[in-house]
Amino acid sequence: MGGMTEREVAESAERALSLDDDSARWDIVAKLQADPGHAAFDAAERLCGAGEAKQRLMGADILGQVGFTREGGARVGPFRDEAMRVLLDLVEREEDPEVLESVCTAFGHLNDPRAIGPLVRLRTHPDADIRFSVAFGLLALPEREALDALIQLSADPDVSVRDWATFGLGRQNEEDFPELREALVARIDDPDEQTRAEALYGLAVRGDRRALGPLLIWRENPWEESDYDLLEEALEALGEPRPWVSGGEQGGA
């Protein structure tokens, strides 16, 4: 398949740039990402070098999953190395917060360890949205430097950043070392219920019985916003089967 022509790509990108409706804009970005040809990548590369932030933002948005397919995914997509080259160059000179956020998110889709350095440098950025995207960018990277950054982000003052980083530590990797466990223990009493749930699950699947007491208390008095199935899986990981109730169904929150 040859994909879209350069003219079709240019017209689509221009239309997206003119839209105020973010949902409609993303519909066009997704179409460009899914194009199997080279024109969409070439256009995204040019956009990343443009003078206006909204153009660079669109370029980074496209590059995160350019060539993406449901079967292969961005990690093995045809433009991964080329996209990383462009994004690594962009992140070193970019100052606009929205563009930086997009670049960090794109790194998360591309799942390339070359992104660890830039992501780690941005982990203390004053913009919480950027720190959230940094956590997303690091989620599936098992390297110790990436995990250390997630450990720091799991104690972030922003609840969404803490939740995402704790999710990354607890569920998105199988690494197990003392500092990681202690970071999860520190989140057992987090004000946010889902962050607590992620921490308890991460400890339970690693066989850390410090999660058992809080999990049993939760079973007796479930939280309003927590993921019931996730916490029951955590209890099962510690040898506590799910309780059965009348009618043969398992209780819920």
C-alpha atoms as a PDB file:
ATOM      1  CA  MET A   1       0.000   0.000   0.000  1.00  0.00           C
ATOM      2  CA  GLY A   2       1.366   3.377  -1.009  1.00  0.00           C
ATOM      3  CA  GLY A   3      -0.539   5.387   1.561  1.00  0.00           C
ATOM      4  CA  MET A   4      -1.581   9.023   1.345  1.00  0.00           C
ATOM      5  CA  THR A   5       0.017  11.395  -1.121  1.00  0.00           C
ATOM      6  CA  GLU A   6       2.104  14.316   0.110  1.00  0.00           C
ATOM      7  CA  ARG A   7      -0.682  16.668  -0.908  1.00  0.00           C
ATOM      8  CA  GLU A   8      -3.313  14.673   1.008  1.00  0.00           C
ATOM      9  CA  VAL A   9      -1.112  14.636   4.090  1.00  0.00           C
ATOM     10  CA  ALA A  10      -0.400  18.354   3.834  1.00  0.00           C
ATOM     11  CA  GLU A  11      -4.087  19.183   3.453  1.00  0.00           C
ATOM     12  CA  SER A  12      -5.008  16.969   6.411  1.00  0.00           C
ATOM     13  CA  ALA A  13      -2.333  18.529   8.620  1.00  0.00           C
ATOM     14  CA  GLU A  14      -3.363  22.045   7.617  1.00  0.00           C
ATOM     15  CA  ARG A  15      -6.993  21.256   8.414  1.00  0.00           C
ATOM     16  CA  ALA A  16      -6.061  19.839  11.808  1.00  0.00           C
ATOM     17  CA  LEU A  17      -3.983  22.903  12.632  1.00  0.00           C
ATOM     18  CA  SER A  18      -6.962  25.138  11.927  1.00  0.00           C
ATOM     19  CA  LEU A  19      -9.296  23.310  14.338  1.00  0.00           C
ATOM     20  CA  ASP A  20     -10.198  24.470  17.832  1.00  0.00           C
ATOM     21  CA  ASP A  21     -11.987  21.177  18.566  1.00  0.00           C
ATOM     22  CA  ASP A  22      -9.299  18.941  20.092  1.00  0.00           C
ATOM     23  CA  SER A  23     -11.289  15.772  19.481  1.00  0.00           C
ATOM     24  CA  ALA A  24     -11.654  16.543  15.774  1.00  0.00           C
ATOM     25  CA  ARG A  25      -7.964  17.437  15.614  1.00  0.00           C
ATOM     26  CA  TRP A  26      -7.023  14.076  17.122  1.00  0.00           C
ATOM     27  CA  ASP A  27      -9.213  12.273  14.607  1.00  0.00           C
ATOM     28  CA  ILE A  28      -7.015  13.696  11.860  1.00  0.00           C
ATOM     29  CA  VAL A  29      -3.790  12.996  13.788  1.00  0.00           C
ATOM     30  CA  ALA A  30      -4.892   9.363  14.210  1.00  0.00           C
ATOM     31  CA  LYS A  31      -5.551   9.108  10.474  1.00  0.00           C
ATOM     32  CA  LEU A  32      -2.077  10.415   9.746  1.00  0.00           C
ATOM     33  CA  GLN A  33      -0.516   8.084  12.300  1.00  0.00           C
ATOM     34  CA  ALA A  34      -2.196   5.087  10.677  1.00  0.00           C
ATOM     35  CA  ASP A  35      -1.051   5.931   7.158  1.00  0.00           C
ATOM     36  CA  PRO A  36       1.300   3.168   5.934  1.00  0.00           C
ATOM     37  CA  GLY A  37       3.316   5.380   3.611  1.00  0.00           C
ATOM     38  CA  HIS A  38       6.239   7.726   4.255  1.00  0.00           C
ATOM     39  CA  ALA A  39       4.419  11.008   3.571  1.00  0.00           C
ATOM     40  CA  ALA A  40       2.966  11.323   7.078  1.00  0.00           C
ATOM     41  CA  PHE A  41       6.362  10.800   8.698  1.00  0.00           C
ATOM     42  CA  ASP A  42       7.974  13.345   6.375  1.00  0.00           C
ATOM     43  CA  ALA A  43       5.278  15.895   7.190  1.00  0.00           C
ATOM     44  CA  ALA A  44       5.645  15.267  10.929  1.00  0.00           C
ATOM     45  CA  GLU A  45       9.397  15.741  10.702  1.00  0.00           C
ATOM     46  CA  ARG A  46       8.913  19.080   8.954  1.00  0.00           C
ATOM     47  CA  LEU A  47       6.350  20.153  11.534  1.00  0.00           C
ATOM     48  CA  CYS A  48       8.763  19.395  14.368  1.00  0.00           C
ATOM     49  CA  GLY A  49      11.165  21.913  12.868  1.00  0.00           C
ATOM     50  CA  ALA A  50       8.526  24.614  12.388  1.00  0.00           C
ATOM     51  CA  GLY A  51       8.514  27.980  14.113  1.00  0.00           C
ATOM     52  CA  GLU A  52       5.063  27.784  15.697  1.00  0.00           C
ATOM     53  CA  ALA A  53       4.535  25.671  18.805  1.00  0.00           C
ATOM     54  CA  LYS A  54       1.208  24.300  17.537  1.00  0.00           C
ATOM     55  CA  GLN A  55       2.976  22.935  14.468  1.00  0.00           C
ATOM     56  CA  ARG A  56       5.704  21.263  16.523  1.00  0.00           C
ATOM     57  CA  LEU A  57       3.000  19.880  18.823  1.00  0.00           C
ATOM     58  CA  MET A  58       1.250  18.226  15.897  1.00  0.00           C
ATOM     59  CA  GLY A  59       4.506  16.848  14.580  1.00  0.00           C
ATOM     60  CA  ALA A  60       5.302  15.232  17.920  1.00  0.00           C
ATOM     61  CA  ASP A  61       1.747  13.917  18.250  1.00  0.00           C
ATOM     62  CA  ILE A  62       2.017  12.197  14.873  1.00  0.00           C
ATOM     63  CA  LEU A  63       5.489  10.768  15.489  1.00  0.00           C
ATOM     64  CA  GLY A  64       4.469   9.032  18.693  1.00  0.00           C
ATOM     65  CA  GLN A  65       2.554   6.384  16.773  1.00  0.00           C
ATOM     66  CA  VAL A  66       3.365   6.978  13.123  1.00  0.00           C
ATOM     67  CA  GLY A  67       3.019   3.716  11.235  1.00  0.00           C
ATOM     68  CA  PHE A  68       1.164   2.254  14.226  1.00  0.00           C
ATOM     69  CA  THR A  69      -0.834  -0.913  13.675  1.00  0.00           C
ATOM     70  CA  ARG A  70      -2.898  -2.900  16.153  1.00  0.00           C
ATOM     71  CA  GLU A  71      -0.939  -6.019  15.286  1.00  0.00           C
ATOM     72  CA  GLY A  72       2.563  -4.610  15.472  1.00  0.00           C
ATOM     73  CA  GLY A  73       2.285  -1.504  17.594  1.00  0.00           C
ATOM     74  CA  ALA A  74       4.551   1.504  17.631  1.00  0.00           C
ATOM     75  CA  ARG A  75       7.404  -0.374  19.264  1.00  0.00           C
ATOM     76  CA  VAL A  76       8.072  -2.352  16.098  1.00  0.00           C
ATOM     77  CA  GLY A  77       6.638   0.200  13.696  1.00  0.00           C
ATOM     78  CA  PRO A  78       8.562   1.062  10.515  1.00  0.00           C
ATOM     79  CA  PHE A  79       9.512   4.590  11.591  1.00  0.00           C
ATOM     80  CA  ARG A  80      10.616   4.006  15.167  1.00  0.00           C
ATOM     81  CA  ASP A  81      14.291   4.874  14.709  1.00  0.00           C
ATOM     82  CA  GLU A  82      13.520   7.838  12.484  1.00  0.00           C
ATOM     83  CA  ALA A  83      10.872   9.125  14.888  1.00  0.00           C
ATOM     84  CA  MET A  84      13.262   8.795  17.825  1.00  0.00           C
ATOM     85  CA  ARG A  85      15.917  10.757  15.952  1.00  0.00           C
ATOM     86  CA  VAL A  86      13.532  13.659  15.351  1.00  0.00           C
ATOM     87  CA  LEU A  87      12.056  13.630  18.866  1.00  0.00           C
ATOM     88  CA  LEU A  88      15.428  13.399  20.593  1.00  0.00           C
ATOM     89  CA  ASP A  89      16.544  16.458  18.663  1.00  0.00           C
ATOM     90  CA  LEU A  90      13.312  18.310  19.431  1.00  0.00           C
ATOM     91  CA  VAL A  91      13.318  17.643  23.171  1.00  0.00           C
ATOM     92  CA  GLU A  92      16.786  19.167  23.552  1.00  0.00           C
ATOM     93  CA  ARG A  93      15.701  22.573  22.205  1.00  0.00           C
ATOM     94  CA  GLU A  94      11.997  22.722  23.058  1.00  0.00           C
ATOM     95  CA  GLU A  95      10.648  25.115  25.692  1.00  0.00           C
ATOM     96  CA  ASP A  96       6.894  25.076  25.067  1.00  0.00           C
ATOM     97  CA  PRO A  97       5.177  23.002  27.802  1.00  0.00           C
ATOM     98  CA  GLU A  98       2.538  21.466  25.525  1.00  0.00           C
ATOM     99  CA  VAL A  99       5.129  20.359  23.008  1.00  0.00           C
ATOM    100  CA  LEU A 100       7.318  18.870  25.730  1.00  0.00           C
ATOM    101  CA  GLU A 101       4.288  17.015  27.077  1.00  0.00           C
ATOM    102  CA  SER A 102       3.605  15.590  23.630  1.00  0.00           C
ATOM    103  CA  VAL A 103       7.224  14.539  23.124  1.00  0.00           C
ATOM    104  CA  CYS A 104       7.293  12.697  26.467  1.00  0.00           C
ATOM    105  CA  THR A 105       4.052  10.930  25.583  1.00  0.00           C
ATOM    106  CA  ALA A 106       5.479   9.978  22.199  1.00  0.00           C
ATOM    107  CA  PHE A 107       8.511   8.477  23.943  1.00  0.00           C
ATOM    108  CA  GLY A 108       6.115   6.312  25.930  1.00  0.00           C
ATOM    109  CA  HIS A 109       4.546   4.937  22.769  1.00  0.00           C
ATOM    110  CA  LEU A 110       7.895   4.306  21.103  1.00  0.00           C
ATOM    111  CA  ASN A 111       9.291   2.552  24.199  1.00  0.00           C
ATOM    112  CA  ASP A 112      12.942   3.167  23.394  1.00  0.00           C
ATOM    113  CA  PRO A 113      15.619   3.339  26.112  1.00  0.00           C
ATOM    114  CA  ARG A 114      17.259   6.257  24.294  1.00  0.00           C
ATOM    115  CA  ALA A 115      14.466   8.391  25.736  1.00  0.00           C
ATOM    116  CA  ILE A 116      15.458   7.704  29.349  1.00  0.00           C
ATOM    117  CA  GLY A 117      17.984  10.547  29.578  1.00  0.00           C
ATOM    118  CA  PRO A 118      15.629  13.321  28.428  1.00  0.00           C
ATOM    119  CA  LEU A 119      12.749  11.925  30.451  1.00  0.00           C
ATOM    120  CA  VAL A 120      14.815  11.750  33.638  1.00  0.00           C
ATOM    121  CA  ARG A 121      15.914  15.358  33.152  1.00  0.00           C
ATOM    122  CA  LEU A 122      12.276  16.455  32.884  1.00  0.00           C
ATOM    123  CA  ARG A 123      11.035  14.525  35.934  1.00  0.00           C
ATOM    124  CA  THR A 124      11.258  17.648  38.136  1.00  0.00           C
ATOM    125  CA  HIS A 125       9.698  20.052  35.636  1.00  0.00           C
ATOM    126  CA  PRO A 126       7.374  22.543  37.393  1.00  0.00           C
ATOM    127  CA  ASP A 127       4.491  21.650  35.040  1.00  0.00           C
ATOM    128  CA  ALA A 128       2.560  18.676  36.464  1.00  0.00           C
ATOM    129  CA  ASP A 129       1.252  17.729  33.015  1.00  0.00           C
ATOM    130  CA  ILE A 130       4.813  17.310  31.796  1.00  0.00           C
ATOM    131  CA  ARG A 131       5.739  15.226  34.850  1.00  0.00           C
ATOM    132  CA  PHE A 132       2.674  13.059  34.159  1.00  0.00           C
ATOM    133  CA  SER A 133       3.850  12.539  30.580  1.00  0.00           C
ATOM    134  CA  VAL A 134       7.335  11.733  31.860  1.00  0.00           C
ATOM    135  CA  ALA A 135       5.820   8.983  34.002  1.00  0.00           C
ATOM    136  CA  PHE A 136       3.954   7.685  30.960  1.00  0.00           C
ATOM    137  CA  GLY A 137       7.148   7.782  28.934  1.00  0.00           C
ATOM    138  CA  LEU A 138       8.973   5.672  31.518  1.00  0.00           C
ATOM    139  CA  LEU A 139       6.242   3.106  32.193  1.00  0.00           C
ATOM    140  CA  ALA A 140       7.487   0.171  30.156  1.00  0.00           C
ATOM    141  CA  LEU A 141      11.228   0.722  30.467  1.00  0.00           C
ATOM    142  CA  PRO A 142      12.889  -1.782  32.837  1.00  0.00           C
ATOM    143  CA  GLU A 143      16.220   0.015  33.092  1.00  0.00           C
ATOM    144  CA  ARG A 144      17.167   0.984  36.639  1.00  0.00           C
ATOM    145  CA  GLU A 145      17.511   4.688  35.782  1.00  0.00           C
ATOM    146  CA  ALA A 146      13.935   4.710  34.507  1.00  0.00           C
ATOM    147  CA  LEU A 147      12.650   2.903  37.589  1.00  0.00           C
ATOM    148  CA  ASP A 148      14.513   5.271  39.915  1.00  0.00           C
ATOM    149  CA  ALA A 149      12.792   8.190  38.190  1.00  0.00           C
ATOM    150  CA  LEU A 150       9.404   6.503  38.616  1.00  0.00           C
ATOM    151  CA  ILE A 151      10.198   5.976  42.292  1.00  0.00           C
ATOM    152  CA  GLN A 152      10.739   9.709  42.666  1.00  0.00           C
ATOM    153  CA  LEU A 153       7.568  10.498  40.705  1.00  0.00           C
ATOM    154  CA  SER A 154       5.539   8.121  42.867  1.00  0.00           C
ATOM    155  CA  ALA A 155       5.939  10.685  45.664  1.00  0.00           C
ATOM    156  CA  ASP A 156       5.014  13.647  43.449  1.00  0.00           C
ATOM    157  CA  PRO A 157       2.743  16.320  44.941  1.00  0.00           C
ATOM    158  CA  ASP A 158       0.329  15.887  42.015  1.00  0.00           C
ATOM    159  CA  VAL A 159      -2.096  13.008  42.518  1.00  0.00           C
ATOM    160  CA  SER A 160      -2.266  12.005  38.854  1.00  0.00           C
ATOM    161  CA  VAL A 161       1.517  11.827  38.616  1.00  0.00           C
ATOM    162  CA  ARG A 162       1.724   9.714  41.786  1.00  0.00           C
ATOM    163  CA  ASP A 163      -0.976   7.358  40.556  1.00  0.00           C
ATOM    164  CA  TRP A 164       0.621   6.856  37.137  1.00  0.00           C
ATOM    165  CA  ALA A 165       4.125   6.380  38.521  1.00  0.00           C
ATOM    166  CA  THR A 166       2.893   3.914  41.155  1.00  0.00           C
ATOM    167  CA  PHE A 167       1.025   2.041  38.424  1.00  0.00           C
ATOM    168  CA  GLY A 168       4.279   1.860  36.488  1.00  0.00           C
ATOM    169  CA  LEU A 169       6.216   0.509  39.452  1.00  0.00           C
ATOM    170  CA  GLY A 170       3.566  -1.939  40.577  1.00  0.00           C
ATOM    171  CA  ARG A 171       2.040  -3.282  37.394  1.00  0.00           C
ATOM    172  CA  GLN A 172       4.054  -2.369  34.326  1.00  0.00           C
ATOM    173  CA  ASN A 173       7.243  -4.206  35.162  1.00  0.00           C
ATOM    174  CA  GLU A 174       8.376  -7.271  37.064  1.00  0.00           C
ATOM    175  CA  GLU A 175      11.483  -5.755  38.626  1.00  0.00           C
ATOM    176  CA  ASP A 176      11.904  -6.238  42.357  1.00  0.00           C
ATOM    177  CA  PHE A 177      14.434  -4.505  44.568  1.00  0.00           C
ATOM    178  CA  PRO A 178      14.262  -2.876  48.010  1.00  0.00           C
ATOM    179  CA  GLU A 179      13.915   0.731  46.871  1.00  0.00           C
ATOM    180  CA  LEU A 180      11.015  -0.157  44.579  1.00  0.00           C
ATOM    181  CA  ARG A 181       9.195  -2.009  47.374  1.00  0.00           C
ATOM    182  CA  GLU A 182       9.742   0.844  49.819  1.00  0.00           C
ATOM    183  CA  ALA A 183       8.329   3.300  47.300  1.00  0.00           C
ATOM    184  CA  LEU A 184       5.197   1.144  47.085  1.00  0.00           C
ATOM    185  CA  VAL A 185       4.980   0.846  50.882  1.00  0.00           C
ATOM    186  CA  ALA A 186       5.128   4.644  51.102  1.00  0.00           C
ATOM    187  CA  ARG A 187       1.949   4.830  49.007  1.00  0.00           C
ATOM    188  CA  ILE A 188      -0.134   2.422  51.153  1.00  0.00           C
ATOM    189  CA  ASP A 189      -1.600   5.394  53.019  1.00  0.00           C
ATOM    190  CA  ASP A 190      -1.809   7.730  50.019  1.00  0.00           C
ATOM    191  CA  PRO A 191      -4.805  10.093  50.097  1.00  0.00           C
ATOM    192  CA  ASP A 192      -5.784   8.836  46.638  1.00  0.00           C
ATOM    193  CA  GLU A 193      -7.560   5.469  46.663  1.00  0.00           C
ATOM    194  CA  GLN A 194      -6.372   4.296  43.251  1.00  0.00           C
ATOM    195  CA  THR A 195      -2.764   5.120  44.093  1.00  0.00           C
ATOM    196  CA  ARG A 196      -3.147   3.046  47.267  1.00  0.00           C
ATOM    197  CA  ALA A 197      -4.626   0.206  45.231  1.00  0.00           C
ATOM    198  CA  GLU A 198      -1.731   0.258  42.755  1.00  0.00           C
ATOM    199  CA  ALA A 199       0.783   0.165  45.600  1.00  0.00           C
ATOM    200  CA  LEU A 200      -0.934  -2.718  47.365  1.00  0.00           C
ATOM    201  CA  TYR A 201      -1.183  -4.721  44.170  1.00  0.00           C
ATOM    202  CA  GLY A 202       2.477  -4.117  43.345  1.00  0.00           C
ATOM    203  CA  LEU A 203       3.545  -5.321  46.771  1.00  0.00           C
ATOM    204  CA  ALA A 204       1.226  -8.332  46.745  1.00  0.00           C
ATOM    205  CA  VAL A 205       2.402  -9.717  43.414  1.00  0.00           C
ATOM    206  CA  ARG A 206       5.952  -9.470  44.723  1.00  0.00           C
ATOM    207  CA  GLY A 207       4.954 -11.537  47.749  1.00  0.00           C
ATOM    208  CA  ASP A 208       5.387  -8.656  50.191  1.00  0.00           C
ATOM    209  CA  ARG A 209       3.028  -9.407  53.065  1.00  0.00           C
ATOM    210  CA  ARG A 210       3.049  -5.826  54.287  1.00  0.00           C
ATOM    211  CA  ALA A 211       0.158  -5.439  51.865  1.00  0.00           C
ATOM    212  CA  LEU A 212      -1.983  -8.118  53.543  1.00  0.00           C
ATOM    213  CA  GLY A 213      -3.282  -6.154  56.534  1.00  0.00           C
ATOM    214  CA  PRO A 214      -4.425  -3.120  54.531  1.00  0.00           C
ATOM    215  CA  LEU A 215      -5.974  -5.418  51.916  1.00  0.00           C
ATOM    216  CA  LEU A 216      -7.980  -7.339  54.518  1.00  0.00           C
ATOM    217  CA  ILE A 217      -9.184  -4.064  56.022  1.00  0.00           C
ATOM    218  CA  TRP A 218     -10.199  -2.940  52.520  1.00  0.00           C
ATOM    219  CA  ARG A 219     -12.150  -6.156  51.987  1.00  0.00           C
ATOM    220  CA  GLU A 220     -14.185  -5.445  55.095  1.00  0.00           C
ATOM    221  CA  ASN A 221     -14.722  -1.780  54.177  1.00  0.00           C
ATOM    222  CA  PRO A 222     -14.173  -1.279  50.426  1.00  0.00           C
ATOM    223  CA  TRP A 223     -13.196   2.164  49.211  1.00  0.00           C
ATOM    224  CA  GLU A 224     -15.534   4.073  46.950  1.00  0.00           C
ATOM    225  CA  GLU A 225     -13.131   4.743  44.080  1.00  0.00           C
ATOM    226  CA  SER A 226     -10.842   1.712  44.096  1.00  0.00           C
ATOM    227  CA  ASP A 227     -10.523  -1.051  41.514  1.00  0.00           C
ATOM    228  CA  TYR A 228     -12.262  -3.988  43.197  1.00  0.00           C
ATOM    229  CA  ASP A 229     -10.915  -6.701  40.897  1.00  0.00           C
ATOM    230  CA  LEU A 230      -7.367  -5.383  41.151  1.00  0.00           C
ATOM    231  CA  LEU A 231      -7.399  -5.559  44.939  1.00  0.00           C
ATOM    232  CA  GLU A 232      -9.008  -8.999  44.968  1.00  0.00           C
ATOM    233  CA  GLU A 233      -6.251 -10.163  42.627  1.00  0.00           C
ATOM    234  CA  ALA A 234      -3.764  -8.738  45.104  1.00  0.00           C
ATOM    235  CA  LEU A 235      -5.325 -10.757  47.909  1.00  0.00           C
ATOM    236  CA  GLU A 236      -5.257 -13.888  45.772  1.00  0.00           C
ATOM    237  CA  ALA A 237      -1.551 -13.292  45.095  1.00  0.00           C
ATOM    238  CA  LEU A 238      -1.042 -13.436  48.877  1.00  0.00           C
ATOM    239  CA  GLY A 239      -3.029 -16.663  49.210  1.00  0.00           C
ATOM    240  CA  GLU A 240      -6.386 -15.137  50.182  1.00  0.00           C
ATOM    241  CA  PRO A 241      -9.115 -16.472  47.847  1.00  0.00           C
ATOM    242  CA  ARG A 242     -12.073 -14.334  46.865  1.00  0.00           C
ATOM    243  CA  PRO A 243     -15.089 -14.645  49.146  1.00  0.00           C
ATOM    244  CA  TRP A 244     -18.255 -16.166  47.693  1.00  0.00           C
ATOM    245  CA  VAL A 245     -21.641 -14.645  48.355  1.00  0.00           C
ATOM    246  CA  SER A 246     -25.188 -15.812  47.741  1.00  0.00           C
ATOM    247  CA  GLY A 247     -26.048 -16.484  44.122  1.00  0.00           C
ATOM    248  CA  GLY A 248     -22.512 -17.603  43.317  1.00  0.00           C
ATOM    249  CA  GLU A 249     -21.255 -14.087  42.589  1.00  0.00           C
ATOM    250  CA  GLN A 250     -18.241 -12.362  44.073  1.00  0.00           C
ATOM    251  CA  GLY A 251     -18.828  -9.266  46.144  1.00  0.00           C
ATOM    252  CA  GLY A 252     -17.903  -5.854  44.836  1.00  0.00           C
ATOM    253  CA  ALA A 253     -17.180  -2.412  46.095  1.00  0.00           C
END
